[in-house]
Amino acid sequence: MNAHLNAHVLRCPTRWSDVDENGHINNARLVGYIQEGIYDLFHHHAKAARDSLFPAGFLIARHEIDYLEQLHHQPEPLLVRLMVERLGRSSAQVRVDVCRDPFTYMTARTVVVARDRTSGRSRKLSQPERRFLSDYLTVSSRPTPAQMPPRPAPPVPAQAPQIPQVAPAPQPAPTPQVPRAPQAAAPRSGPPRPTPPRPGPPRPGPGRPAVVLTGTSRHVPAPAHAAAAHTAAVHTAVAHTPKTAPVAPKPSGMPQRRTVPLPSRLPARVLCRA
């Protein structure tokens, strides 16, 4: 591949005034050809003028010149060939070859710095300026696919940490249960315990009369011979009871009180009520 494929070429004629006493172009005049080529690339280029690139101009930071052959004054113009070898943040290193085919008389490497209009110092290259200068990069300066930095791998989404699963511990086999023979209850030692009495009315027994509950009164029936004696005593008491005097009647509307004759003497064992 041709190494000068991306070069910017300026045809520059030699001048008679550039010849020194040795009959060749003076070496100081050759530096002027370098500056004319750089000025033509950065200012007179159609694209640079259309896009208003480098509006505040540029600065020459460094010249490195190798003189290869003597250059004589001839009518045929010189070829000033310019190529960009490296692009920095605010500068570009330009290689300049002054030649007349098939001879190259001088090779120079010049560092050109973009200038800031306000401060007069260097400034950062703009993106349009970098694209413009990238069109003139030498073939050897262009990075090959092997030299290009690898593209960053897409970010891997964060995954939740996996908790290791622990296998459950083996459980022991169940022990077979042998049925036990029923055991007889051991006899209690000592005297038998008394049985507590049951609540309720006392039960009739020998020599104890039965109790009969009637309403809210409690009546204990007497034996047969006691009942006969009680009946005879009641009749005797009634026969000897004096008559009561007449009671004056109370006015109507007042409740009448019932008069109950009372026996003069009653046996102590007779119970009665009005």
C-alpha atoms as a PDB file:
ATOM      1  CA  MET A   1       0.000   0.000   0.000  1.00  0.00           C
ATOM      2  CA  ASN A   2       1.278   3.485  -0.848  1.00  0.00           C
ATOM      3  CA  ALA A   3       2.492   5.258   2.303  1.00  0.00           C
ATOM      4  CA  HIS A   4       1.613   8.702   0.829  1.00  0.00           C
ATOM      5  CA  LEU A   5      -2.007   7.848   0.089  1.00  0.00           C
ATOM      6  CA  ASN A   6      -3.370  10.208   2.768  1.00  0.00           C
ATOM      7  CA  ALA A   7      -0.833  13.034   2.277  1.00  0.00           C
ATOM      8  CA  HIS A   8      -1.629  16.676   1.579  1.00  0.00           C
ATOM      9  CA  VAL A   9       0.600  17.932  -1.267  1.00  0.00           C
ATOM     10  CA  LEU A  10       1.532  21.542  -2.051  1.00  0.00           C
ATOM     11  CA  ARG A  11       3.414  22.523  -5.220  1.00  0.00           C
ATOM     12  CA  CYS A  12       5.896  25.214  -4.335  1.00  0.00           C
ATOM     13  CA  PRO A  13       8.322  26.795  -6.900  1.00  0.00           C
ATOM     14  CA  THR A  14      11.890  27.684  -5.948  1.00  0.00           C
ATOM     15  CA  ARG A  15      13.122  31.261  -6.059  1.00  0.00           C
ATOM     16  CA  TRP A  16      16.363  32.652  -7.349  1.00  0.00           C
ATOM     17  CA  SER A  17      16.779  34.659  -4.189  1.00  0.00           C
ATOM     18  CA  ASP A  18      16.884  31.435  -2.174  1.00  0.00           C
ATOM     19  CA  VAL A  19      20.176  30.333  -3.736  1.00  0.00           C
ATOM     20  CA  ASP A  20      23.266  31.000  -1.649  1.00  0.00           C
ATOM     21  CA  GLU A  21      26.903  31.420  -2.669  1.00  0.00           C
ATOM     22  CA  ASN A  22      27.322  27.634  -2.874  1.00  0.00           C
ATOM     23  CA  GLY A  23      24.844  27.444  -5.749  1.00  0.00           C
ATOM     24  CA  HIS A  24      22.070  25.540  -3.900  1.00  0.00           C
ATOM     25  CA  ILE A  25      18.992  26.520  -1.921  1.00  0.00           C
ATOM     26  CA  ASN A  26      19.982  27.764   1.505  1.00  0.00           C
ATOM     27  CA  ASN A  27      18.985  25.518   4.406  1.00  0.00           C
ATOM     28  CA  ALA A  28      17.230  28.375   6.197  1.00  0.00           C
ATOM     29  CA  ARG A  29      15.052  28.908   3.108  1.00  0.00           C
ATOM     30  CA  LEU A  30      13.991  25.278   3.218  1.00  0.00           C
ATOM     31  CA  VAL A  31      12.320  25.905   6.594  1.00  0.00           C
ATOM     32  CA  GLY A  32      10.128  28.464   4.817  1.00  0.00           C
ATOM     33  CA  TYR A  33       8.837  25.706   2.516  1.00  0.00           C
ATOM     34  CA  ILE A  34       7.810  23.714   5.627  1.00  0.00           C
ATOM     35  CA  GLN A  35       5.857  26.654   7.039  1.00  0.00           C
ATOM     36  CA  GLU A  36       4.120  27.324   3.699  1.00  0.00           C
ATOM     37  CA  GLY A  37       2.967  23.690   3.561  1.00  0.00           C
ATOM     38  CA  ILE A  38       1.613  23.746   7.146  1.00  0.00           C
ATOM     39  CA  TYR A  39      -0.143  27.078   6.584  1.00  0.00           C
ATOM     40  CA  ASP A  40      -1.744  25.739   3.422  1.00  0.00           C
ATOM     41  CA  LEU A  41      -3.042  22.653   5.260  1.00  0.00           C
ATOM     42  CA  PHE A  42      -4.375  24.406   8.369  1.00  0.00           C
ATOM     43  CA  HIS A  43      -5.772  27.588   6.699  1.00  0.00           C
ATOM     44  CA  HIS A  44      -6.037  27.358   2.932  1.00  0.00           C
ATOM     45  CA  HIS A  45      -7.541  23.905   2.770  1.00  0.00           C
ATOM     46  CA  ALA A  46     -11.098  24.068   1.448  1.00  0.00           C
ATOM     47  CA  LYS A  47     -12.551  22.048   4.322  1.00  0.00           C
ATOM     48  CA  ALA A  48     -10.654  23.991   6.991  1.00  0.00           C
ATOM     49  CA  ALA A  49     -11.827  27.289   5.525  1.00  0.00           C
ATOM     50  CA  ARG A  50     -15.442  26.091   5.166  1.00  0.00           C
ATOM     51  CA  ASP A  51     -15.718  24.755   8.732  1.00  0.00           C
ATOM     52  CA  SER A  52     -13.738  27.673  10.256  1.00  0.00           C
ATOM     53  CA  LEU A  53     -11.195  25.344  11.826  1.00  0.00           C
ATOM     54  CA  PHE A  54      -8.359  26.836  13.877  1.00  0.00           C
ATOM     55  CA  PRO A  55      -9.978  30.295  14.028  1.00  0.00           C
ATOM     56  CA  ALA A  56      -7.215  31.713  16.263  1.00  0.00           C
ATOM     57  CA  GLY A  57      -4.407  30.104  14.275  1.00  0.00           C
ATOM     58  CA  PHE A  58      -1.738  27.740  15.558  1.00  0.00           C
ATOM     59  CA  LEU A  59       1.670  27.706  17.170  1.00  0.00           C
ATOM     60  CA  ILE A  60       4.858  25.908  16.055  1.00  0.00           C
ATOM     61  CA  ALA A  61       6.227  24.119  19.097  1.00  0.00           C
ATOM     62  CA  ARG A  62       9.073  22.126  17.538  1.00  0.00           C
ATOM     63  CA  HIS A  63      11.025  21.536  14.316  1.00  0.00           C
ATOM     64  CA  GLU A  64      13.145  18.436  13.700  1.00  0.00           C
ATOM     65  CA  ILE A  65      14.868  18.624  10.267  1.00  0.00           C
ATOM     66  CA  ASP A  66      17.006  16.121   8.378  1.00  0.00           C
ATOM     67  CA  TYR A  67      18.788  17.456   5.256  1.00  0.00           C
ATOM     68  CA  LEU A  68      19.220  14.589   2.817  1.00  0.00           C
ATOM     69  CA  GLU A  69      20.309  16.117  -0.539  1.00  0.00           C
ATOM     70  CA  GLN A  70      21.409  19.455  -2.004  1.00  0.00           C
ATOM     71  CA  LEU A  71      18.519  21.304  -3.628  1.00  0.00           C
ATOM     72  CA  HIS A  72      19.235  23.460  -6.703  1.00  0.00           C
ATOM     73  CA  HIS A  73      17.100  26.092  -8.328  1.00  0.00           C
ATOM     74  CA  GLN A  74      15.096  24.650 -11.268  1.00  0.00           C
ATOM     75  CA  PRO A  75      11.884  25.679 -13.025  1.00  0.00           C
ATOM     76  CA  GLU A  76      10.137  22.523 -11.936  1.00  0.00           C
ATOM     77  CA  PRO A  77       8.271  23.185  -8.641  1.00  0.00           C
ATOM     78  CA  LEU A  78       8.954  21.294  -5.449  1.00  0.00           C
ATOM     79  CA  LEU A  79       6.440  18.895  -3.840  1.00  0.00           C
ATOM     80  CA  VAL A  80       5.802  19.664  -0.176  1.00  0.00           C
ATOM     81  CA  ARG A  81       4.074  16.541   1.139  1.00  0.00           C
ATOM     82  CA  LEU A  82       2.431  16.669   4.621  1.00  0.00           C
ATOM     83  CA  MET A  83       1.123  13.742   6.702  1.00  0.00           C
ATOM     84  CA  VAL A  84      -0.095  13.564  10.319  1.00  0.00           C
ATOM     85  CA  GLU A  85       1.841  11.032  12.345  1.00  0.00           C
ATOM     86  CA  ARG A  86       0.263  11.555  15.783  1.00  0.00           C
ATOM     87  CA  LEU A  87      -2.660  13.369  17.357  1.00  0.00           C
ATOM     88  CA  GLY A  88      -2.460  14.598  20.922  1.00  0.00           C
ATOM     89  CA  ARG A  89      -4.842  16.468  23.211  1.00  0.00           C
ATOM     90  CA  SER A  90      -3.991  19.913  21.840  1.00  0.00           C
ATOM     91  CA  SER A  91      -1.337  19.237  19.181  1.00  0.00           C
ATOM     92  CA  ALA A  92      -0.530  17.262  16.073  1.00  0.00           C
ATOM     93  CA  GLN A  93       2.833  15.980  14.902  1.00  0.00           C
ATOM     94  CA  VAL A  94       3.139  16.565  11.146  1.00  0.00           C
ATOM     95  CA  ARG A  95       5.739  14.996   8.890  1.00  0.00           C
ATOM     96  CA  VAL A  96       6.850  17.226   6.008  1.00  0.00           C
ATOM     97  CA  ASP A  97       8.817  15.867   2.987  1.00  0.00           C
ATOM     98  CA  VAL A  98      10.314  18.354   0.513  1.00  0.00           C
ATOM     99  CA  CYS A  99      10.982  16.420  -2.662  1.00  0.00           C
ATOM    100  CA  ARG A 100      11.202  16.437  -6.409  1.00  0.00           C
ATOM    101  CA  ASP A 101      10.559  12.937  -7.689  1.00  0.00           C
ATOM    102  CA  PRO A 102      12.391  10.661  -7.373  1.00  0.00           C
ATOM    103  CA  PHE A 103      14.551  12.557  -4.819  1.00  0.00           C
ATOM    104  CA  THR A 104      13.684  13.677  -1.286  1.00  0.00           C
ATOM    105  CA  TYR A 105      15.832  16.607  -0.214  1.00  0.00           C
ATOM    106  CA  MET A 106      14.602  17.190   3.333  1.00  0.00           C
ATOM    107  CA  THR A 107      12.409  15.502   5.931  1.00  0.00           C
ATOM    108  CA  ALA A 108      11.026  17.416   8.915  1.00  0.00           C
ATOM    109  CA  ARG A 109       8.789  16.621  11.866  1.00  0.00           C
ATOM    110  CA  THR A 110       6.896  19.606  13.189  1.00  0.00           C
ATOM    111  CA  VAL A 111       4.638  19.838  16.252  1.00  0.00           C
ATOM    112  CA  VAL A 112       1.677  22.144  15.599  1.00  0.00           C
ATOM    113  CA  VAL A 113      -0.372  23.348  18.607  1.00  0.00           C
ATOM    114  CA  ALA A 114      -3.890  24.822  18.488  1.00  0.00           C
ATOM    115  CA  ARG A 115      -3.992  28.377  19.895  1.00  0.00           C
ATOM    116  CA  ASP A 116      -6.563  30.002  22.171  1.00  0.00           C
ATOM    117  CA  ARG A 117      -7.482  33.532  21.065  1.00  0.00           C
ATOM    118  CA  THR A 118      -8.152  34.887  24.580  1.00  0.00           C
ATOM    119  CA  SER A 119      -5.138  33.587  26.478  1.00  0.00           C
ATOM    120  CA  GLY A 120      -2.765  33.134  23.522  1.00  0.00           C
ATOM    121  CA  ARG A 121      -1.817  29.703  24.877  1.00  0.00           C
ATOM    122  CA  SER A 122      -2.559  26.179  23.714  1.00  0.00           C
ATOM    123  CA  ARG A 123      -6.093  24.783  23.821  1.00  0.00           C
ATOM    124  CA  LYS A 124      -7.783  21.449  23.351  1.00  0.00           C
ATOM    125  CA  LEU A 125      -8.502  20.313  19.811  1.00  0.00           C
ATOM    126  CA  SER A 126     -12.178  20.358  18.958  1.00  0.00           C
ATOM    127  CA  GLN A 127     -13.920  17.304  17.575  1.00  0.00           C
ATOM    128  CA  PRO A 128     -14.272  18.760  14.022  1.00  0.00           C
ATOM    129  CA  GLU A 129     -10.550  19.586  14.046  1.00  0.00           C
ATOM    130  CA  ARG A 130      -9.624  16.099  15.153  1.00  0.00           C
ATOM    131  CA  ARG A 131     -11.763  14.564  12.413  1.00  0.00           C
ATOM    132  CA  PHE A 132     -10.157  16.859   9.843  1.00  0.00           C
ATOM    133  CA  LEU A 133      -6.604  15.939  10.872  1.00  0.00           C
ATOM    134  CA  SER A 134      -7.485  12.221  11.135  1.00  0.00           C
ATOM    135  CA  ASP A 135      -8.025  12.169   7.374  1.00  0.00           C
ATOM    136  CA  TYR A 136      -4.265  12.756   6.914  1.00  0.00           C
ATOM    137  CA  LEU A 137      -2.950  10.196   9.350  1.00  0.00           C
ATOM    138  CA  THR A 138      -0.241   8.017   7.855  1.00  0.00           C
ATOM    139  CA  VAL A 139      -1.045   4.408   7.152  1.00  0.00           C
ATOM    140  CA  SER A 140       1.549   3.275   9.683  1.00  0.00           C
ATOM    141  CA  SER A 141      -0.029   5.570  12.313  1.00  0.00           C
ATOM    142  CA  ARG A 142      -3.524   4.168  11.882  1.00  0.00           C
ATOM    143  CA  PRO A 143      -4.193   1.498  14.498  1.00  0.00           C
ATOM    144  CA  THR A 144      -4.726  -1.973  13.139  1.00  0.00           C
ATOM    145  CA  PRO A 145      -7.521  -4.145  14.482  1.00  0.00           C
ATOM    146  CA  ALA A 146      -4.937  -5.994  16.570  1.00  0.00           C
ATOM    147  CA  GLN A 147      -3.651  -2.701  18.048  1.00  0.00           C
ATOM    148  CA  MET A 148      -7.058  -1.250  18.790  1.00  0.00           C
ATOM    149  CA  PRO A 149      -8.037  -1.497  22.432  1.00  0.00           C
ATOM    150  CA  PRO A 150     -10.609  -4.182  23.089  1.00  0.00           C
ATOM    151  CA  ARG A 151     -14.117  -3.039  23.579  1.00  0.00           C
ATOM    152  CA  PRO A 152     -15.265  -3.163  27.163  1.00  0.00           C
ATOM    153  CA  ALA A 153     -17.405  -6.136  27.886  1.00  0.00           C
ATOM    154  CA  PRO A 154     -21.039  -5.348  28.624  1.00  0.00           C
ATOM    155  CA  PRO A 155     -21.707  -5.134  32.317  1.00  0.00           C
ATOM    156  CA  VAL A 156     -22.902  -8.349  33.798  1.00  0.00           C
ATOM    157  CA  PRO A 157     -26.012  -7.889  35.902  1.00  0.00           C
ATOM    158  CA  ALA A 158     -25.351  -8.487  39.537  1.00  0.00           C
ATOM    159  CA  GLN A 159     -26.718 -11.768  40.766  1.00  0.00           C
ATOM    160  CA  ALA A 160     -27.825 -12.544  44.236  1.00  0.00           C
ATOM    161  CA  PRO A 161     -25.328 -14.698  46.104  1.00  0.00           C
ATOM    162  CA  GLN A 162     -26.295 -18.309  45.988  1.00  0.00           C
ATOM    163  CA  ILE A 163     -26.568 -19.950  49.367  1.00  0.00           C
ATOM    164  CA  PRO A 164     -25.098 -23.440  49.288  1.00  0.00           C
ATOM    165  CA  GLN A 165     -27.680 -26.053  50.019  1.00  0.00           C
ATOM    166  CA  VAL A 166     -26.732 -28.338  52.856  1.00  0.00           C
ATOM    167  CA  ALA A 167     -27.961 -31.892  52.549  1.00  0.00           C
ATOM    168  CA  PRO A 168     -30.185 -32.897  55.454  1.00  0.00           C
ATOM    169  CA  ALA A 169     -28.555 -35.121  58.045  1.00  0.00           C
ATOM    170  CA  PRO A 170     -29.609 -38.753  57.806  1.00  0.00           C
ATOM    171  CA  GLN A 171     -32.211 -39.623  60.414  1.00  0.00           C
ATOM    172  CA  PRO A 172     -31.702 -42.787  62.478  1.00  0.00           C
ATOM    173  CA  ALA A 173     -34.036 -45.689  61.813  1.00  0.00           C
ATOM    174  CA  PRO A 174     -36.916 -45.933  64.318  1.00  0.00           C
ATOM    175  CA  THR A 175     -36.361 -48.475  67.080  1.00  0.00           C
ATOM    176  CA  PRO A 176     -39.085 -51.153  67.141  1.00  0.00           C
ATOM    177  CA  GLN A 177     -41.136 -50.999  70.341  1.00  0.00           C
ATOM    178  CA  VAL A 178     -41.766 -54.298  72.169  1.00  0.00           C
ATOM    179  CA  PRO A 179     -45.247 -54.457  73.771  1.00  0.00           C
ATOM    180  CA  ARG A 180     -45.056 -54.702  77.541  1.00  0.00           C
ATOM    181  CA  ALA A 181     -47.040 -57.265  79.534  1.00  0.00           C
ATOM    182  CA  PRO A 182     -49.770 -55.743  81.765  1.00  0.00           C
ATOM    183  CA  GLN A 183     -48.699 -55.560  85.413  1.00  0.00           C
ATOM    184  CA  ALA A 184     -51.041 -56.160  88.315  1.00  0.00           C
ATOM    185  CA  ALA A 185     -51.610 -53.267  90.638  1.00  0.00           C
ATOM    186  CA  ALA A 186     -49.704 -53.588  93.880  1.00  0.00           C
ATOM    187  CA  PRO A 187     -51.941 -53.945  96.955  1.00  0.00           C
ATOM    188  CA  ARG A 188     -52.110 -50.985  99.236  1.00  0.00           C
ATOM    189  CA  SER A 189     -50.649 -51.351 102.644  1.00  0.00           C
ATOM    190  CA  GLY A 190     -52.294 -50.048 105.829  1.00  0.00           C
ATOM    191  CA  PRO A 191     -55.890 -49.806 107.141  1.00  0.00           C
ATOM    192  CA  PRO A 192     -58.752 -49.120 104.684  1.00  0.00           C
ATOM    193  CA  ARG A 193     -59.676 -45.511 104.148  1.00  0.00           C
ATOM    194  CA  PRO A 194     -63.072 -44.364 105.535  1.00  0.00           C
ATOM    195  CA  THR A 195     -65.735 -43.527 103.011  1.00  0.00           C
ATOM    196  CA  PRO A 196     -66.898 -39.886 103.357  1.00  0.00           C
ATOM    197  CA  PRO A 197     -70.628 -39.415 104.030  1.00  0.00           C
ATOM    198  CA  ARG A 198     -72.845 -38.460 101.142  1.00  0.00           C
ATOM    199  CA  PRO A 199     -74.706 -35.129 101.241  1.00  0.00           C
ATOM    200  CA  GLY A 200     -78.506 -35.208 101.716  1.00  0.00           C
ATOM    201  CA  PRO A 201     -81.042 -36.073 104.370  1.00  0.00           C
ATOM    202  CA  PRO A 202     -80.106 -38.779 106.873  1.00  0.00           C
ATOM    203  CA  ARG A 203     -81.325 -42.219 106.034  1.00  0.00           C
ATOM    204  CA  PRO A 204     -83.769 -43.920 108.452  1.00  0.00           C
ATOM    205  CA  GLY A 205     -82.291 -46.581 110.574  1.00  0.00           C
ATOM    206  CA  PRO A 206     -83.251 -48.741 113.523  1.00  0.00           C
ATOM    207  CA  GLY A 207     -84.566 -46.548 116.351  1.00  0.00           C
ATOM    208  CA  ARG A 208     -84.433 -43.384 114.103  1.00  0.00           C
ATOM    209  CA  PRO A 209     -87.732 -42.017 112.716  1.00  0.00           C
ATOM    210  CA  ALA A 210     -87.921 -40.990 109.099  1.00  0.00           C
ATOM    211  CA  VAL A 211     -87.910 -37.267 108.335  1.00  0.00           C
ATOM    212  CA  VAL A 212     -90.575 -36.009 105.912  1.00  0.00           C
ATOM    213  CA  LEU A 213     -90.096 -32.578 104.318  1.00  0.00           C
ATOM    214  CA  THR A 214     -93.355 -30.785 103.559  1.00  0.00           C
ATOM    215  CA  GLY A 215     -92.891 -27.356 101.997  1.00  0.00           C
ATOM    216  CA  THR A 216     -90.563 -25.474 104.252  1.00  0.00           C
ATOM    217  CA  SER A 217     -91.501 -27.296 107.485  1.00  0.00           C
ATOM    218  CA  ARG A 218     -89.850 -30.346 108.828  1.00  0.00           C
ATOM    219  CA  HIS A 219     -92.100 -33.032 110.335  1.00  0.00           C
ATOM    220  CA  VAL A 220     -90.804 -36.005 112.177  1.00  0.00           C
ATOM    221  CA  PRO A 221     -93.556 -38.643 112.560  1.00  0.00           C
ATOM    222  CA  ALA A 222     -93.833 -40.150 115.986  1.00  0.00           C
ATOM    223  CA  PRO A 223     -94.310 -43.842 116.734  1.00  0.00           C
ATOM    224  CA  ALA A 224     -97.810 -45.354 116.830  1.00  0.00           C
ATOM    225  CA  HIS A 225     -98.217 -45.343 120.641  1.00  0.00           C
ATOM    226  CA  ALA A 226     -96.969 -41.746 120.804  1.00  0.00           C
ATOM    227  CA  ALA A 227     -99.478 -40.686 118.152  1.00  0.00           C
ATOM    228  CA  ALA A 228    -102.385 -42.203 120.148  1.00  0.00           C
ATOM    229  CA  ALA A 229    -101.318 -40.453 123.333  1.00  0.00           C
ATOM    230  CA  HIS A 230    -100.986 -37.184 121.424  1.00  0.00           C
ATOM    231  CA  THR A 231    -104.528 -37.476 120.054  1.00  0.00           C
ATOM    232  CA  ALA A 232    -106.007 -38.093 123.505  1.00  0.00           C
ATOM    233  CA  ALA A 233    -104.120 -35.130 124.962  1.00  0.00           C
ATOM    234  CA  VAL A 234    -105.413 -32.835 122.285  1.00  0.00           C
ATOM    235  CA  HIS A 235    -109.049 -33.810 122.990  1.00  0.00           C
ATOM    236  CA  THR A 236    -108.566 -33.308 126.695  1.00  0.00           C
ATOM    237  CA  ALA A 237    -107.034 -29.867 126.187  1.00  0.00           C
ATOM    238  CA  VAL A 238    -109.838 -28.768 123.962  1.00  0.00           C
ATOM    239  CA  ALA A 239    -112.470 -29.886 126.456  1.00  0.00           C
ATOM    240  CA  HIS A 240    -110.946 -27.843 129.272  1.00  0.00           C
ATOM    241  CA  THR A 241    -110.320 -24.719 127.209  1.00  0.00           C
ATOM    242  CA  PRO A 242    -112.496 -21.813 128.514  1.00  0.00           C
ATOM    243  CA  LYS A 243    -114.652 -19.924 126.117  1.00  0.00           C
ATOM    244  CA  THR A 244    -113.474 -16.563 125.012  1.00  0.00           C
ATOM    245  CA  ALA A 245    -115.427 -13.375 125.577  1.00  0.00           C
ATOM    246  CA  PRO A 246    -117.149 -11.876 122.613  1.00  0.00           C
ATOM    247  CA  VAL A 247    -115.100  -9.331 120.759  1.00  0.00           C
ATOM    248  CA  ALA A 248    -116.640  -6.159 119.560  1.00  0.00           C
ATOM    249  CA  PRO A 249    -116.844  -6.038 115.826  1.00  0.00           C
ATOM    250  CA  LYS A 250    -114.477  -3.668 114.114  1.00  0.00           C
ATOM    251  CA  PRO A 251    -115.634  -1.159 111.619  1.00  0.00           C
ATOM    252  CA  SER A 252    -116.168  -2.306 108.106  1.00  0.00           C
ATOM    253  CA  GLY A 253    -113.177  -2.005 105.961  1.00  0.00           C
ATOM    254  CA  MET A 254    -110.828  -3.243 108.642  1.00  0.00           C
ATOM    255  CA  PRO A 255    -109.589  -6.820 108.268  1.00  0.00           C
ATOM    256  CA  GLN A 256    -111.025  -9.239 110.799  1.00  0.00           C
ATOM    257  CA  ARG A 257    -108.497 -11.042 112.970  1.00  0.00           C
ATOM    258  CA  ARG A 258    -109.142 -14.673 113.528  1.00  0.00           C
ATOM    259  CA  THR A 259    -109.086 -15.761 117.144  1.00  0.00           C
ATOM    260  CA  VAL A 260    -107.586 -19.126 117.840  1.00  0.00           C
ATOM    261  CA  PRO A 261    -108.354 -20.786 121.185  1.00  0.00           C
ATOM    262  CA  LEU A 262    -105.258 -21.767 123.049  1.00  0.00           C
ATOM    263  CA  PRO A 263    -105.158 -24.817 125.326  1.00  0.00           C
ATOM    264  CA  SER A 264    -104.409 -24.170 128.950  1.00  0.00           C
ATOM    265  CA  ARG A 265    -101.870 -26.927 129.183  1.00  0.00           C
ATOM    266  CA  LEU A 266    -100.280 -28.958 126.443  1.00  0.00           C
ATOM    267  CA  PRO A 267     -97.806 -31.778 126.660  1.00  0.00           C
ATOM    268  CA  ALA A 268     -94.250 -30.710 126.001  1.00  0.00           C
ATOM    269  CA  ARG A 269     -94.000 -33.174 123.116  1.00  0.00           C
ATOM    270  CA  VAL A 270     -97.030 -31.822 121.237  1.00  0.00           C
ATOM    271  CA  LEU A 271     -96.204 -29.451 118.396  1.00  0.00           C
ATOM    272  CA  CYS A 272     -98.894 -27.316 116.895  1.00  0.00           C
ATOM    273  CA  ARG A 273     -99.169 -24.188 114.872  1.00  0.00           C
ATOM    274  CA  ALA A 274    -101.923 -21.713 114.190  1.00  0.00           C
END
